[in-house]
Structures are given as structure tokens and as C-alpha cells.
Amino acid sequence: MKNLCCYLLPTFLFLIAGCDSSYEETVIATPQPPELEILNDTDKPVFYFVIETEDSYLIDLADPCENFQPNLHPKSTIAIPYDQISGMDKNADSVWFMWTDCQGESEFMTIKLY
């Protein structure tokens, strides 16, 4: 039976349930004002998407796996300045973030920036 453990990142809460003592690979988005840092700690390329939270309600995403074009290489990190995130303005305080490897692993969440 697997042990239940929680992994708490310093600036971003992320829960991994049912993990053994081994390290769990994942994709992590961490606010580092004035940038959002995204780490792909998996062995697969992934597709990520980030948009200001209020604007995310206005879009209809196409299936990113229909024509999978990863934009974050394995074991790599990208830093996106807040002012380059779609929909960002002076009143925005969170973003909607999603990622997928189109092989069954994916996640989405709202991230507070401040």
C-alpha cells in the first residue's frame, strides 16, 4: 500500500497524493514577481497555456492534443513576465494555468500572483 504524502512548495501549494518515497515528476508554476516561472520536471515535452483569470472565462480552448505542439522541453524552465501574459492589466492578481503531455498527464489551476 502506498504512503500518503504531501509536497508543499514554498510559494505555490501543490498536492501529490498516494506517492511513495520516490520523487514525483511534475510541471510546476511558481509566481516570482514580476514573472511566472514554469518548470517542466518531467521527461516528456509538454504544452502549457497561461492567461489572466478573468480573461480565461471568455475563451474556448481547442484540444491541444489534436495537433500536439509542445512548447516546454523536458527538464526545462521558462520565466514569463507578468506583462506578457495574455489579458494582464494593473488589476489582475491571478492567472489560469494548464499543461498537458497529451499522453494522459495534465493539470490546470488558478494561481495567485501576489
C-alpha atoms as a PDB file:
ATOM      1  CA  MET A   1       0.000   0.000   0.000  1.00  0.00           C
ATOM      2  CA  LYS A   2       1.320   3.414  -0.920  1.00  0.00           C
ATOM      3  CA  ASN A   3       2.100   6.010   1.695  1.00  0.00           C
ATOM      4  CA  LEU A   4       0.120   9.233   1.523  1.00  0.00           C
ATOM      5  CA  CYS A   5       2.381  12.253   1.407  1.00  0.00           C
ATOM      6  CA  CYS A   6       2.020  15.941   0.737  1.00  0.00           C
ATOM      7  CA  TYR A   7       4.568  18.066  -1.045  1.00  0.00           C
ATOM      8  CA  LEU A   8       4.343  21.763  -0.240  1.00  0.00           C
ATOM      9  CA  LEU A   9       6.209  24.198  -2.465  1.00  0.00           C
ATOM     10  CA  PRO A  10       7.319  27.472  -0.861  1.00  0.00           C
ATOM     11  CA  THR A  11       5.244  29.900  -2.915  1.00  0.00           C
ATOM     12  CA  PHE A  12       2.721  27.603  -4.522  1.00  0.00           C
ATOM     13  CA  LEU A  13       0.624  24.860  -2.993  1.00  0.00           C
ATOM     14  CA  PHE A  14       0.639  21.618  -4.895  1.00  0.00           C
ATOM     15  CA  LEU A  15      -0.695  18.348  -3.501  1.00  0.00           C
ATOM     16  CA  ILE A  16       0.522  14.985  -4.647  1.00  0.00           C
ATOM     17  CA  ALA A  17      -1.480  12.144  -3.090  1.00  0.00           C
ATOM     18  CA  GLY A  18      -0.529   8.490  -2.885  1.00  0.00           C
ATOM     19  CA  CYS A  19       3.187   8.842  -3.560  1.00  0.00           C
ATOM     20  CA  ASP A  20       5.917   6.500  -2.402  1.00  0.00           C
ATOM     21  CA  SER A  21       9.169   7.789  -1.010  1.00  0.00           C
ATOM     22  CA  SER A  22      10.402   8.266  -4.597  1.00  0.00           C
ATOM     23  CA  TYR A  23      10.454  11.684  -6.272  1.00  0.00           C
ATOM     24  CA  GLU A  24       7.356  12.560  -8.319  1.00  0.00           C
ATOM     25  CA  GLU A  25       7.961  14.382 -11.628  1.00  0.00           C
ATOM     26  CA  THR A  26       5.594  17.219 -12.424  1.00  0.00           C
ATOM     27  CA  VAL A  27       5.095  20.605 -14.048  1.00  0.00           C
ATOM     28  CA  ILE A  28       5.124  23.474 -11.553  1.00  0.00           C
ATOM     29  CA  ALA A  29       4.143  27.130 -11.989  1.00  0.00           C
ATOM     30  CA  THR A  30       5.514  29.472  -9.340  1.00  0.00           C
ATOM     31  CA  PRO A  31       4.918  33.229  -9.052  1.00  0.00           C
ATOM     32  CA  GLN A  32       8.231  35.079  -8.847  1.00  0.00           C
ATOM     33  CA  PRO A  33       7.013  38.690  -9.278  1.00  0.00           C
ATOM     34  CA  PRO A  34       7.202  40.189 -11.808  1.00  0.00           C
ATOM     35  CA  GLU A  35       7.399  36.801 -13.598  1.00  0.00           C
ATOM     36  CA  LEU A  36       5.631  33.461 -13.555  1.00  0.00           C
ATOM     37  CA  GLU A  37       8.202  30.652 -13.560  1.00  0.00           C
ATOM     38  CA  ILE A  38       7.148  27.351 -15.139  1.00  0.00           C
ATOM     39  CA  LEU A  39       9.253  24.230 -14.561  1.00  0.00           C
ATOM     40  CA  ASN A  40       8.781  21.060 -16.614  1.00  0.00           C
ATOM     41  CA  ASP A  41      10.400  18.464 -14.371  1.00  0.00           C
ATOM     42  CA  THR A  42       9.097  15.538 -16.434  1.00  0.00           C
ATOM     43  CA  ASP A  43      10.907  13.501 -19.059  1.00  0.00           C
ATOM     44  CA  LYS A  44       8.353  14.499 -21.725  1.00  0.00           C
ATOM     45  CA  PRO A  45       7.753  17.719 -23.623  1.00  0.00           C
ATOM     46  CA  VAL A  46       4.537  19.428 -22.550  1.00  0.00           C
ATOM     47  CA  PHE A  47       2.177  22.089 -23.847  1.00  0.00           C
ATOM     48  CA  TYR A  48       1.346  24.849 -21.372  1.00  0.00           C
ATOM     49  CA  PHE A  49      -1.118  27.733 -21.530  1.00  0.00           C
ATOM     50  CA  VAL A  50      -1.444  30.683 -19.168  1.00  0.00           C
ATOM     51  CA  ILE A  51      -3.930  33.563 -19.246  1.00  0.00           C
ATOM     52  CA  GLU A  52      -5.254  36.139 -16.786  1.00  0.00           C
ATOM     53  CA  THR A  53      -8.044  34.510 -14.773  1.00  0.00           C
ATOM     54  CA  GLU A  54     -10.920  36.818 -15.786  1.00  0.00           C
ATOM     55  CA  ASP A  55      -9.996  36.509 -19.476  1.00  0.00           C
ATOM     56  CA  SER A  56      -9.910  32.715 -19.182  1.00  0.00           C
ATOM     57  CA  TYR A  57     -13.710  32.717 -18.825  1.00  0.00           C
ATOM     58  CA  LEU A  58     -14.007  34.315 -22.257  1.00  0.00           C
ATOM     59  CA  ILE A  59     -12.068  31.775 -24.302  1.00  0.00           C
ATOM     60  CA  ASP A  60     -12.931  28.394 -25.763  1.00  0.00           C
ATOM     61  CA  LEU A  61      -9.744  26.338 -25.942  1.00  0.00           C
ATOM     62  CA  ALA A  62      -9.252  23.964 -28.823  1.00  0.00           C
ATOM     63  CA  ASP A  63      -7.979  20.497 -27.930  1.00  0.00           C
ATOM     64  CA  PRO A  64      -4.186  20.995 -27.639  1.00  0.00           C
ATOM     65  CA  CYS A  65      -3.652  17.285 -28.327  1.00  0.00           C
ATOM     66  CA  GLU A  66      -5.352  17.282 -31.721  1.00  0.00           C
ATOM     67  CA  ASN A  67      -2.208  18.799 -33.224  1.00  0.00           C
ATOM     68  CA  PHE A  68       0.199  18.490 -30.281  1.00  0.00           C
ATOM     69  CA  GLN A  69       2.968  21.059 -30.458  1.00  0.00           C
ATOM     70  CA  PRO A  70       4.798  21.088 -27.118  1.00  0.00           C
ATOM     71  CA  ASN A  71       6.185  24.435 -26.033  1.00  0.00           C
ATOM     72  CA  LEU A  72       8.177  23.426 -22.951  1.00  0.00           C
ATOM     73  CA  HIS A  73      11.003  20.900 -23.272  1.00  0.00           C
ATOM     74  CA  PRO A  74      11.673  18.195 -20.658  1.00  0.00           C
ATOM     75  CA  LYS A  75      13.675  19.273 -17.598  1.00  0.00           C
ATOM     76  CA  SER A  76      13.465  22.954 -18.554  1.00  0.00           C
ATOM     77  CA  THR A  77      12.195  26.193 -17.036  1.00  0.00           C
ATOM     78  CA  ILE A  78      10.715  29.321 -18.593  1.00  0.00           C
ATOM     79  CA  ALA A  79      10.053  32.687 -16.938  1.00  0.00           C
ATOM     80  CA  ILE A  80       7.143  34.712 -18.338  1.00  0.00           C
ATOM     81  CA  PRO A  81       6.980  38.390 -17.359  1.00  0.00           C
ATOM     82  CA  TYR A  82       3.534  39.211 -15.981  1.00  0.00           C
ATOM     83  CA  ASP A  83       3.059  41.954 -18.571  1.00  0.00           C
ATOM     84  CA  GLN A  84       3.433  39.347 -21.359  1.00  0.00           C
ATOM     85  CA  ILE A  85       0.640  37.108 -20.032  1.00  0.00           C
ATOM     86  CA  SER A  86      -2.497  37.452 -22.129  1.00  0.00           C
ATOM     87  CA  GLY A  87      -5.141  39.641 -20.516  1.00  0.00           C
ATOM     88  CA  MET A  88      -2.914  41.031 -17.757  1.00  0.00           C
ATOM     89  CA  ASP A  89      -3.612  44.540 -16.516  1.00  0.00           C
ATOM     90  CA  LYS A  90      -2.928  46.525 -13.343  1.00  0.00           C
ATOM     91  CA  ASN A  91      -5.939  44.987 -11.546  1.00  0.00           C
ATOM     92  CA  ALA A  92      -5.133  41.342 -12.310  1.00  0.00           C
ATOM     93  CA  ASP A  93      -3.973  39.249  -9.368  1.00  0.00           C
ATOM     94  CA  SER A  94      -4.191  35.690 -10.681  1.00  0.00           C
ATOM     95  CA  VAL A  95      -3.744  33.588 -13.805  1.00  0.00           C
ATOM     96  CA  TRP A  96      -5.281  30.380 -15.101  1.00  0.00           C
ATOM     97  CA  PHE A  97      -2.570  27.827 -15.895  1.00  0.00           C
ATOM     98  CA  MET A  98      -2.844  24.458 -17.618  1.00  0.00           C
ATOM     99  CA  TRP A  99      -0.410  21.938 -19.029  1.00  0.00           C
ATOM    100  CA  THR A 100      -0.603  18.551 -20.741  1.00  0.00           C
ATOM    101  CA  ASP A 101       1.738  15.979 -22.227  1.00  0.00           C
ATOM    102  CA  CYS A 102      -1.153  14.597 -24.344  1.00  0.00           C
ATOM    103  CA  GLN A 103      -0.266  11.129 -23.034  1.00  0.00           C
ATOM    104  CA  GLY A 104      -2.576  11.125 -20.033  1.00  0.00           C
ATOM    105  CA  GLU A 105      -0.805  13.586 -17.719  1.00  0.00           C
ATOM    106  CA  SER A 106      -2.237  17.083 -17.290  1.00  0.00           C
ATOM    107  CA  GLU A 107      -3.273  19.663 -14.712  1.00  0.00           C
ATOM    108  CA  PHE A 108      -4.962  23.035 -14.509  1.00  0.00           C
ATOM    109  CA  MET A 109      -5.253  25.556 -11.701  1.00  0.00           C
ATOM    110  CA  THR A 110      -5.697  29.196 -10.770  1.00  0.00           C
ATOM    111  CA  ILE A 111      -2.519  30.788  -9.424  1.00  0.00           C
ATOM    112  CA  LYS A 112      -2.466  33.874  -7.208  1.00  0.00           C
ATOM    113  CA  LEU A 113       0.362  36.126  -8.375  1.00  0.00           C
ATOM    114  CA  TYR A 114       0.711  38.328  -5.300  1.00  0.00           C
END
